[in-house]
């Protein structure tokens, strides 16, 4: 994914995440949120947040399309509300400094989000936590690290999704692990 905010000056800021949680350890990062993330950005203190009015029915992130908006507010705050018709830009470190020097209320901006490998043409997409993605079986054998009882990923009860291939067919299964 490549995502950028372009100020009216033409200068650009590269975004690090879209609709992903910003935590206190994220330094020098820029995040973008819309209503699909939830009613607020749920960001911790220690950053700058910009509320951008993108207009009714224009608040969906669509890969390959340019989103245009007007900066409504810019302040050092956290957990900004995400109303329909708005998006929230949240940043820390040097990226927050860039925002303070390049953007101001009333200014026009544009947002561009694009993906490589023809993902822009996808009708549906899902993602997960890549650090938890684990191969369960390889050549018919259980992977050793799955048998380690000291690893909470192996013992905690959470929903799990499994993808598998066999004889050229894709199998998908989800288990509700909290029942």
N, C-alpha and C. Protein backbone atom coordinates (compact mmCIF):
# COMPACT_ATOMS: atom_id res chain seq x y z
N UNK A 1 0.83 -1.18 0.00
CA UNK A 1 0.00 0.00 0.00
C UNK A 1 0.87 1.24 0.00
N UNK A 2 0.47 2.19 -0.78
CA UNK A 2 1.07 3.51 -0.74
C UNK A 2 -0.06 4.50 -0.49
N UNK A 3 0.07 5.33 0.52
CA UNK A 3 -0.95 6.32 0.83
C UNK A 3 -0.27 7.65 1.12
N UNK A 4 -0.82 8.72 0.55
CA UNK A 4 -0.24 10.05 0.75
C UNK A 4 -1.32 11.08 0.98
N UNK A 5 -0.92 12.11 1.72
CA UNK A 5 -1.71 13.33 1.87
C UNK A 5 -0.96 14.39 1.08
N UNK A 6 -1.65 15.13 0.23
CA UNK A 6 -1.03 16.20 -0.52
C UNK A 6 -1.64 17.52 -0.08
N UNK A 7 -0.79 18.44 0.39
CA UNK A 7 -1.23 19.78 0.80
C UNK A 7 -1.45 20.63 -0.44
N UNK A 8 -2.12 21.77 -0.27
CA UNK A 8 -2.37 22.66 -1.41
C UNK A 8 -1.06 23.20 -2.00
N UNK A 9 0.02 23.15 -1.23
CA UNK A 9 1.33 23.57 -1.74
C UNK A 9 1.94 22.55 -2.70
N UNK A 10 1.34 21.34 -2.72
CA UNK A 10 1.87 20.25 -3.54
C UNK A 10 2.80 19.32 -2.77
N UNK A 11 3.17 19.71 -1.55
CA UNK A 11 4.03 18.86 -0.74
C UNK A 11 3.24 17.67 -0.21
N UNK A 12 3.92 16.52 -0.12
CA UNK A 12 3.24 15.29 0.27
C UNK A 12 3.79 14.70 1.55
N UNK A 13 2.90 14.03 2.27
CA UNK A 13 3.26 13.27 3.46
C UNK A 13 2.85 11.83 3.22
N UNK A 14 3.79 10.91 3.39
CA UNK A 14 3.47 9.49 3.25
C UNK A 14 2.82 8.99 4.53
N UNK A 15 1.69 8.29 4.37
CA UNK A 15 0.99 7.71 5.51
C UNK A 15 1.51 6.31 5.77
N UNK A 16 1.50 5.92 7.04
CA UNK A 16 2.00 4.60 7.41
C UNK A 16 0.89 3.57 7.52
N UNK A 17 -0.28 3.98 7.95
CA UNK A 17 -1.37 3.03 8.18
C UNK A 17 -2.72 3.68 7.87
N UNK A 18 -3.65 2.87 7.44
CA UNK A 18 -5.02 3.31 7.21
C UNK A 18 -5.94 2.40 8.04
N UNK A 19 -6.75 3.03 8.90
CA UNK A 19 -7.68 2.31 9.78
C UNK A 19 -6.99 1.22 10.58
N UNK A 20 -5.84 1.53 11.13
CA UNK A 20 -5.11 0.63 12.03
C UNK A 20 -4.83 1.39 13.33
N UNK A 21 -4.80 0.68 14.43
CA UNK A 21 -4.63 1.29 15.74
C UNK A 21 -3.26 1.94 15.90
N UNK A 22 -3.26 3.21 16.38
CA UNK A 22 -2.01 3.89 16.72
C UNK A 22 -1.81 3.72 18.22
N UNK A 23 -0.62 3.27 18.62
CA UNK A 23 -0.30 3.05 20.03
C UNK A 23 0.83 3.99 20.44
N UNK A 24 1.06 4.15 21.76
CA UNK A 24 2.09 5.09 22.22
C UNK A 24 3.49 4.86 21.63
N UNK A 25 3.83 3.64 21.31
CA UNK A 25 5.18 3.37 20.78
C UNK A 25 5.33 3.76 19.31
N UNK A 26 4.26 4.12 18.64
CA UNK A 26 4.35 4.56 17.24
C UNK A 26 4.88 5.99 17.21
N UNK A 27 6.15 6.13 16.91
CA UNK A 27 6.77 7.45 16.83
C UNK A 27 7.06 7.76 15.37
N UNK A 28 6.86 9.00 15.00
CA UNK A 28 7.10 9.46 13.63
C UNK A 28 6.28 8.63 12.63
N UNK A 29 4.99 8.53 12.91
CA UNK A 29 4.07 7.79 12.07
C UNK A 29 2.85 8.65 11.76
N UNK A 30 2.20 8.37 10.63
CA UNK A 30 0.96 9.05 10.25
C UNK A 30 -0.10 8.01 9.93
N UNK A 31 -1.27 8.17 10.51
CA UNK A 31 -2.39 7.24 10.37
C UNK A 31 -3.59 7.99 9.82
N UNK A 32 -4.43 7.29 9.06
CA UNK A 32 -5.63 7.88 8.51
C UNK A 32 -6.81 6.99 8.90
N UNK A 33 -7.90 7.62 9.35
CA UNK A 33 -9.08 6.89 9.82
C UNK A 33 -10.34 7.41 9.15
N UNK A 34 -11.27 6.49 8.86
CA UNK A 34 -12.62 6.90 8.48
C UNK A 34 -13.62 6.17 9.36
N UNK A 35 -14.90 6.38 9.12
CA UNK A 35 -15.96 5.82 9.96
C UNK A 35 -15.88 4.30 10.09
N UNK A 36 -15.28 3.62 9.15
CA UNK A 36 -15.20 2.16 9.21
C UNK A 36 -14.33 1.70 10.38
N UNK A 37 -13.45 2.58 10.88
CA UNK A 37 -12.61 2.23 12.02
C UNK A 37 -13.42 2.22 13.31
N UNK A 38 -14.42 3.09 13.38
CA UNK A 38 -15.25 3.21 14.58
C UNK A 38 -15.66 4.65 14.80
N UNK A 39 -16.32 4.93 15.91
CA UNK A 39 -16.80 6.30 16.17
C UNK A 39 -15.70 7.29 16.52
N UNK A 40 -14.52 6.79 16.88
CA UNK A 40 -13.41 7.68 17.18
C UNK A 40 -12.10 7.01 16.77
N UNK A 41 -11.02 7.81 16.76
CA UNK A 41 -9.71 7.30 16.33
C UNK A 41 -9.05 6.41 17.40
N UNK A 42 -9.52 6.50 18.65
CA UNK A 42 -8.97 5.70 19.76
C UNK A 42 -7.44 5.84 19.87
N UNK A 43 -6.95 7.02 19.58
CA UNK A 43 -5.51 7.26 19.63
C UNK A 43 -5.09 7.73 21.01
N UNK A 44 -3.86 7.41 21.41
CA UNK A 44 -3.36 7.89 22.71
C UNK A 44 -2.89 9.34 22.60
N UNK A 45 -2.68 9.97 23.75
CA UNK A 45 -2.15 11.34 23.76
C UNK A 45 -0.74 11.33 23.17
N UNK A 46 -0.30 12.49 22.74
CA UNK A 46 1.05 12.59 22.19
C UNK A 46 1.08 12.68 20.69
N UNK A 47 0.07 13.28 20.11
CA UNK A 47 0.08 13.41 18.67
C UNK A 47 -0.72 14.62 18.21
N UNK A 48 -0.75 14.79 16.91
CA UNK A 48 -1.52 15.86 16.27
C UNK A 48 -2.63 15.18 15.48
N UNK A 49 -3.83 15.74 15.53
CA UNK A 49 -4.92 15.18 14.76
C UNK A 49 -5.59 16.25 13.92
N UNK A 50 -5.95 15.85 12.70
CA UNK A 50 -6.57 16.75 11.74
C UNK A 50 -7.92 16.15 11.36
N UNK A 51 -8.96 16.95 11.48
CA UNK A 51 -10.28 16.54 11.02
C UNK A 51 -10.45 17.14 9.62
N UNK A 52 -10.78 16.29 8.64
CA UNK A 52 -10.93 16.72 7.26
C UNK A 52 -12.35 16.45 6.82
N UNK A 53 -13.02 17.48 6.33
CA UNK A 53 -14.37 17.35 5.77
C UNK A 53 -14.23 16.90 4.33
N UNK A 54 -14.72 15.70 4.04
CA UNK A 54 -14.65 15.18 2.67
C UNK A 54 -16.02 15.14 2.02
N UNK A 55 -17.04 15.56 2.75
CA UNK A 55 -18.40 15.62 2.19
C UNK A 55 -19.15 14.33 2.38
N UNK A 56 -20.47 14.45 2.42
CA UNK A 56 -21.34 13.28 2.57
C UNK A 56 -21.12 12.32 1.42
N UNK A 57 -21.14 11.05 1.73
CA UNK A 57 -20.99 9.98 0.75
C UNK A 57 -19.62 9.95 0.07
N UNK A 58 -18.64 10.67 0.58
CA UNK A 58 -17.29 10.66 0.02
C UNK A 58 -16.26 10.20 1.03
N UNK A 59 -16.71 9.56 2.11
CA UNK A 59 -15.80 9.20 3.20
C UNK A 59 -15.33 7.75 3.15
N UNK A 60 -15.46 7.10 2.01
CA UNK A 60 -14.96 5.74 1.85
C UNK A 60 -13.59 5.78 1.19
N UNK A 61 -12.67 4.97 1.70
CA UNK A 61 -11.35 4.86 1.07
C UNK A 61 -11.47 3.87 -0.08
N UNK A 62 -11.24 4.34 -1.28
CA UNK A 62 -11.31 3.49 -2.46
C UNK A 62 -9.96 3.55 -3.16
N UNK A 63 -9.30 2.41 -3.19
CA UNK A 63 -7.97 2.34 -3.79
C UNK A 63 -8.00 2.84 -5.23
N UNK A 64 -7.04 3.68 -5.57
CA UNK A 64 -6.93 4.20 -6.92
C UNK A 64 -7.72 5.46 -7.16
N UNK A 65 -8.59 5.86 -6.21
CA UNK A 65 -9.36 7.10 -6.35
C UNK A 65 -8.79 8.18 -5.45
N UNK A 66 -8.77 9.40 -5.95
CA UNK A 66 -8.31 10.53 -5.13
C UNK A 66 -9.48 11.06 -4.32
N UNK A 67 -9.26 11.24 -3.02
CA UNK A 67 -10.25 11.83 -2.12
C UNK A 67 -9.83 13.26 -1.85
N UNK A 68 -10.75 14.20 -1.99
CA UNK A 68 -10.46 15.61 -1.74
C UNK A 68 -11.26 16.07 -0.53
N UNK A 69 -10.65 16.97 0.25
CA UNK A 69 -11.33 17.49 1.42
C UNK A 69 -10.76 18.81 1.87
N UNK A 70 -11.39 19.35 2.91
CA UNK A 70 -10.99 20.63 3.49
C UNK A 70 -10.70 20.41 4.97
N UNK A 71 -9.57 20.91 5.44
CA UNK A 71 -9.19 20.79 6.85
C UNK A 71 -10.17 21.59 7.70
N UNK A 72 -10.86 20.90 8.62
CA UNK A 72 -11.79 21.57 9.54
C UNK A 72 -11.09 22.00 10.82
N UNK A 73 -10.22 21.12 11.34
CA UNK A 73 -9.54 21.41 12.61
C UNK A 73 -8.20 20.71 12.62
N UNK A 74 -7.25 21.32 13.32
CA UNK A 74 -5.91 20.76 13.49
C UNK A 74 -5.47 21.12 14.90
N UNK A 75 -5.22 20.10 15.72
CA UNK A 75 -4.78 20.38 17.09
C UNK A 75 -4.05 19.20 17.70
N UNK A 76 -3.29 19.49 18.74
CA UNK A 76 -2.63 18.43 19.51
C UNK A 76 -3.68 17.86 20.44
N UNK A 77 -4.14 16.68 20.09
CA UNK A 77 -5.22 16.03 20.83
C UNK A 77 -5.15 14.54 20.58
N UNK A 78 -6.10 13.82 21.12
CA UNK A 78 -6.16 12.37 20.93
C UNK A 78 -7.61 11.95 20.82
N UNK A 79 -7.83 10.77 20.27
CA UNK A 79 -9.14 10.14 20.22
C UNK A 79 -10.22 11.03 19.60
N UNK A 80 -9.91 11.62 18.47
CA UNK A 80 -10.87 12.49 17.79
C UNK A 80 -12.07 11.68 17.30
N UNK A 81 -13.23 12.32 17.32
CA UNK A 81 -14.44 11.69 16.81
C UNK A 81 -14.37 11.60 15.29
N UNK A 82 -14.94 10.53 14.76
CA UNK A 82 -14.97 10.33 13.31
C UNK A 82 -16.44 10.36 12.89
N UNK A 83 -16.89 11.51 12.45
CA UNK A 83 -18.26 11.65 11.97
C UNK A 83 -18.33 11.24 10.51
N UNK A 84 -19.50 10.81 10.05
CA UNK A 84 -19.68 10.53 8.64
C UNK A 84 -19.40 11.82 7.87
N UNK A 85 -18.76 11.69 6.74
CA UNK A 85 -18.39 12.85 5.93
C UNK A 85 -17.06 13.46 6.32
N UNK A 86 -16.39 12.84 7.33
CA UNK A 86 -15.07 13.33 7.74
C UNK A 86 -14.09 12.16 7.80
N UNK A 87 -12.81 12.51 7.76
CA UNK A 87 -11.74 11.55 8.03
C UNK A 87 -10.82 12.21 9.04
N UNK A 88 -10.03 11.39 9.73
CA UNK A 88 -9.10 11.89 10.74
C UNK A 88 -7.69 11.47 10.37
N UNK A 89 -6.79 12.43 10.34
CA UNK A 89 -5.37 12.20 10.14
C UNK A 89 -4.70 12.38 11.49
N UNK A 90 -3.96 11.37 11.96
CA UNK A 90 -3.30 11.41 13.26
C UNK A 90 -1.82 11.11 13.06
N UNK A 91 -0.96 11.92 13.67
CA UNK A 91 0.48 11.73 13.46
C UNK A 91 1.29 12.05 14.70
N UNK A 92 2.51 11.50 14.72
CA UNK A 92 3.45 11.74 15.80
C UNK A 92 4.81 12.11 15.21
N UNK A 93 5.69 12.62 16.06
CA UNK A 93 7.07 12.90 15.66
C UNK A 93 7.20 13.90 14.53
N UNK A 94 8.15 13.64 13.63
CA UNK A 94 8.41 14.54 12.51
C UNK A 94 7.21 14.64 11.57
N UNK A 95 6.43 13.59 11.49
CA UNK A 95 5.24 13.65 10.64
C UNK A 95 4.19 14.59 11.23
N UNK A 96 4.10 14.64 12.55
CA UNK A 96 3.22 15.62 13.20
C UNK A 96 3.74 17.03 12.95
N UNK A 97 5.05 17.21 13.00
CA UNK A 97 5.65 18.52 12.71
C UNK A 97 5.35 18.95 11.27
N UNK A 98 5.41 18.01 10.32
CA UNK A 98 5.10 18.31 8.93
C UNK A 98 3.67 18.81 8.82
N UNK A 99 2.75 18.12 9.49
CA UNK A 99 1.34 18.51 9.45
C UNK A 99 1.16 19.92 9.98
N UNK A 100 1.79 20.23 11.11
CA UNK A 100 1.64 21.57 11.71
C UNK A 100 2.21 22.65 10.81
N UNK A 101 3.24 22.33 10.03
CA UNK A 101 3.85 23.35 9.16
C UNK A 101 3.18 23.44 7.78
N UNK A 102 2.49 22.38 7.35
CA UNK A 102 1.95 22.34 5.98
C UNK A 102 0.43 22.47 5.88
N UNK A 103 -0.29 22.17 6.94
CA UNK A 103 -1.75 22.19 6.88
C UNK A 103 -2.32 23.22 7.84
N UNK A 104 -3.50 23.73 7.49
CA UNK A 104 -4.20 24.70 8.34
C UNK A 104 -5.69 24.59 8.06
N UNK A 105 -6.52 24.96 9.06
CA UNK A 105 -7.96 24.94 8.83
C UNK A 105 -8.34 25.76 7.59
N UNK A 106 -9.26 25.22 6.82
CA UNK A 106 -9.71 25.88 5.59
C UNK A 106 -8.94 25.49 4.35
N UNK A 107 -7.83 24.76 4.54
CA UNK A 107 -6.97 24.38 3.41
C UNK A 107 -7.51 23.13 2.72
N UNK A 108 -7.41 23.10 1.39
CA UNK A 108 -7.76 21.92 0.61
C UNK A 108 -6.62 20.91 0.65
N UNK A 109 -6.98 19.63 0.77
CA UNK A 109 -5.99 18.57 0.70
C UNK A 109 -6.53 17.45 -0.17
N UNK A 110 -5.66 16.54 -0.55
CA UNK A 110 -6.12 15.33 -1.24
C UNK A 110 -5.45 14.12 -0.62
N UNK A 111 -6.16 13.01 -0.68
CA UNK A 111 -5.69 11.73 -0.15
C UNK A 111 -5.66 10.74 -1.30
N UNK A 112 -4.54 10.06 -1.46
CA UNK A 112 -4.41 9.03 -2.48
C UNK A 112 -3.95 7.75 -1.81
N UNK A 113 -4.69 6.68 -2.07
CA UNK A 113 -4.35 5.36 -1.56
C UNK A 113 -4.31 4.41 -2.75
N UNK A 114 -3.23 3.68 -2.87
CA UNK A 114 -3.13 2.73 -3.97
C UNK A 114 -2.38 1.49 -3.50
N UNK A 115 -2.60 0.41 -4.20
CA UNK A 115 -1.95 -0.85 -3.90
C UNK A 115 -1.24 -1.35 -5.14
N UNK A 116 -0.22 -2.16 -4.95
CA UNK A 116 0.44 -2.76 -6.10
C UNK A 116 -0.14 -4.16 -6.34
N UNK A 117 0.38 -4.86 -7.29
CA UNK A 117 -0.01 -6.23 -7.62
C UNK A 117 -1.50 -6.35 -7.95
N UNK A 118 -2.06 -5.32 -8.60
CA UNK A 118 -3.45 -5.32 -9.06
C UNK A 118 -4.48 -5.42 -7.94
N UNK A 119 -4.12 -5.12 -6.70
CA UNK A 119 -5.08 -5.16 -5.61
C UNK A 119 -6.13 -4.05 -5.77
N UNK A 120 -5.81 -2.96 -6.46
CA UNK A 120 -6.79 -1.89 -6.68
C UNK A 120 -8.06 -2.42 -7.33
N UNK A 121 -7.97 -3.47 -8.11
CA UNK A 121 -9.14 -4.00 -8.80
C UNK A 121 -9.92 -5.03 -7.96
N UNK A 122 -9.48 -5.31 -6.75
CA UNK A 122 -10.15 -6.31 -5.91
C UNK A 122 -11.56 -5.87 -5.56
N UNK A 123 -12.50 -6.80 -5.55
CA UNK A 123 -13.87 -6.53 -5.14
C UNK A 123 -14.01 -6.62 -3.62
N UNK A 124 -13.30 -7.55 -3.00
CA UNK A 124 -13.29 -7.74 -1.55
C UNK A 124 -11.86 -8.06 -1.14
N UNK A 125 -11.48 -7.63 0.05
CA UNK A 125 -10.15 -7.95 0.57
C UNK A 125 -10.24 -8.15 2.07
N UNK A 126 -9.45 -9.05 2.60
CA UNK A 126 -9.38 -9.26 4.04
C UNK A 126 -7.91 -9.19 4.44
N UNK A 127 -7.68 -8.86 5.70
CA UNK A 127 -6.31 -8.86 6.19
C UNK A 127 -6.30 -9.38 7.62
N UNK A 128 -5.15 -9.68 8.09
CA UNK A 128 -5.02 -10.16 9.45
C UNK A 128 -3.69 -9.73 10.01
N UNK A 129 -3.40 -10.17 11.19
CA UNK A 129 -2.15 -9.85 11.85
C UNK A 129 -1.08 -10.80 11.32
N UNK A 130 -0.19 -10.28 10.49
CA UNK A 130 0.81 -11.14 9.86
C UNK A 130 1.77 -11.78 10.86
N UNK A 131 1.88 -11.22 12.06
CA UNK A 131 2.77 -11.83 13.05
C UNK A 131 2.14 -13.08 13.66
N UNK A 132 0.82 -13.24 13.52
CA UNK A 132 0.16 -14.41 14.06
C UNK A 132 -0.10 -15.48 13.00
N UNK A 133 0.05 -15.12 11.75
CA UNK A 133 -0.17 -16.08 10.68
C UNK A 133 0.83 -17.22 10.80
N UNK A 134 0.33 -18.43 10.92
CA UNK A 134 1.20 -19.58 11.15
C UNK A 134 0.80 -20.74 10.25
N UNK A 135 1.77 -21.41 9.69
CA UNK A 135 1.51 -22.65 8.96
C UNK A 135 1.21 -23.72 10.00
N UNK A 136 0.10 -24.44 9.83
CA UNK A 136 -0.28 -25.49 10.78
C UNK A 136 0.32 -26.83 10.40
N UNK A 137 0.22 -27.17 9.13
CA UNK A 137 0.76 -28.43 8.63
C UNK A 137 1.66 -28.14 7.44
N UNK A 138 2.76 -28.85 7.37
CA UNK A 138 3.61 -28.75 6.20
C UNK A 138 3.99 -30.18 5.84
N UNK A 139 3.68 -30.55 4.62
CA UNK A 139 3.92 -31.93 4.15
C UNK A 139 3.27 -32.94 5.09
N UNK A 140 2.06 -32.57 5.61
CA UNK A 140 1.31 -33.49 6.46
C UNK A 140 1.77 -33.56 7.89
N UNK A 141 2.75 -32.76 8.29
CA UNK A 141 3.29 -32.80 9.65
C UNK A 141 2.95 -31.51 10.40
N UNK A 142 2.58 -31.62 11.69
CA UNK A 142 2.31 -30.46 12.53
C UNK A 142 3.62 -29.72 12.79
N UNK A 143 3.60 -28.39 12.66
CA UNK A 143 4.79 -27.56 12.91
C UNK A 143 5.10 -27.59 14.42
N UNK A 144 6.37 -27.82 14.78
CA UNK A 144 6.78 -27.98 16.17
C UNK A 144 6.36 -26.82 17.07
N UNK A 145 6.47 -25.58 16.59
CA UNK A 145 6.18 -24.44 17.47
C UNK A 145 4.71 -24.40 17.89
N UNK A 146 3.82 -25.10 17.17
CA UNK A 146 2.41 -25.15 17.56
C UNK A 146 2.18 -26.02 18.79
N UNK A 147 3.14 -26.85 19.12
CA UNK A 147 3.00 -27.75 20.26
C UNK A 147 3.58 -27.17 21.54
N UNK A 148 4.08 -25.94 21.49
CA UNK A 148 4.69 -25.30 22.65
C UNK A 148 3.59 -24.71 23.55
N UNK A 149 3.29 -25.30 24.72
CA UNK A 149 2.22 -24.80 25.59
C UNK A 149 2.54 -23.46 26.26
N UNK A 150 3.81 -23.05 26.23
CA UNK A 150 4.15 -21.77 26.85
C UNK A 150 3.82 -20.58 25.93
N UNK A 151 3.51 -20.85 24.66
CA UNK A 151 3.15 -19.79 23.72
C UNK A 151 1.65 -19.55 23.81
N UNK A 152 1.21 -18.37 24.31
CA UNK A 152 -0.23 -18.12 24.48
C UNK A 152 -1.00 -18.16 23.16
N UNK A 153 -0.33 -17.96 22.03
CA UNK A 153 -1.02 -18.06 20.75
C UNK A 153 -1.52 -19.47 20.49
N UNK A 154 -0.94 -20.44 21.16
CA UNK A 154 -1.34 -21.83 20.98
C UNK A 154 -2.44 -22.27 21.94
N UNK A 155 -2.65 -21.51 23.03
CA UNK A 155 -3.57 -21.97 24.07
C UNK A 155 -4.75 -21.03 24.33
N UNK A 156 -4.65 -19.74 23.98
CA UNK A 156 -5.75 -18.81 24.24
C UNK A 156 -6.91 -19.12 23.31
N UNK A 157 -8.12 -18.92 23.82
CA UNK A 157 -9.32 -19.22 23.05
C UNK A 157 -9.80 -17.97 22.32
N UNK A 158 -9.52 -17.88 21.03
CA UNK A 158 -9.94 -16.79 20.17
C UNK A 158 -10.44 -17.36 18.85
N UNK A 159 -11.25 -16.62 18.13
CA UNK A 159 -11.65 -17.10 16.80
C UNK A 159 -10.42 -17.31 15.92
N UNK A 160 -10.49 -18.31 15.08
CA UNK A 160 -9.38 -18.63 14.17
C UNK A 160 -9.93 -18.84 12.78
N UNK A 161 -9.19 -18.42 11.80
CA UNK A 161 -9.53 -18.65 10.41
C UNK A 161 -8.42 -19.48 9.78
N UNK A 162 -8.82 -20.49 9.04
CA UNK A 162 -7.86 -21.40 8.43
C UNK A 162 -8.06 -21.39 6.92
N UNK A 163 -6.98 -21.27 6.19
CA UNK A 163 -6.98 -21.40 4.73
C UNK A 163 -6.10 -22.59 4.40
N UNK A 164 -6.57 -23.42 3.49
CA UNK A 164 -5.79 -24.60 3.11
C UNK A 164 -6.03 -24.91 1.64
N UNK A 165 -5.04 -25.54 1.06
CA UNK A 165 -5.20 -26.02 -0.31
C UNK A 165 -4.97 -27.51 -0.34
N UNK A 166 -5.73 -28.17 -1.20
CA UNK A 166 -5.54 -29.61 -1.40
C UNK A 166 -6.03 -29.94 -2.80
N UNK A 167 -5.18 -30.57 -3.57
CA UNK A 167 -5.49 -30.99 -4.93
C UNK A 167 -6.09 -29.84 -5.75
N UNK A 168 -5.47 -28.65 -5.62
CA UNK A 168 -5.87 -27.50 -6.43
C UNK A 168 -7.10 -26.77 -5.95
N UNK A 169 -7.66 -27.16 -4.80
CA UNK A 169 -8.84 -26.48 -4.27
C UNK A 169 -8.45 -25.69 -3.02
N UNK A 170 -9.12 -24.54 -2.83
CA UNK A 170 -8.91 -23.70 -1.66
C UNK A 170 -10.02 -23.96 -0.66
N UNK A 171 -9.66 -24.25 0.58
CA UNK A 171 -10.62 -24.47 1.65
C UNK A 171 -10.45 -23.35 2.68
N UNK A 172 -11.59 -22.82 3.16
CA UNK A 172 -11.56 -21.78 4.19
C UNK A 172 -12.50 -22.20 5.32
N UNK A 173 -12.05 -21.97 6.57
CA UNK A 173 -12.86 -22.34 7.72
C UNK A 173 -12.59 -21.33 8.84
N UNK A 174 -13.66 -20.91 9.52
CA UNK A 174 -13.52 -20.04 10.68
C UNK A 174 -14.13 -20.74 11.88
N UNK A 175 -13.42 -20.69 13.01
CA UNK A 175 -13.88 -21.33 14.25
C UNK A 175 -14.08 -20.23 15.28
N UNK A 176 -15.26 -20.20 15.92
CA UNK A 176 -15.52 -19.22 16.98
C UNK A 176 -14.95 -19.79 18.25
N UNK A 177 -13.75 -19.35 18.61
CA UNK A 177 -13.01 -19.93 19.73
C UNK A 177 -13.45 -19.50 21.11
N UNK A 178 -14.45 -18.61 21.23
CA UNK A 178 -14.83 -18.15 22.56
C UNK A 178 -16.09 -18.83 23.08
N UNK A 179 -16.61 -19.77 22.35
CA UNK A 179 -17.84 -20.48 22.79
C UNK A 179 -17.49 -21.55 23.79
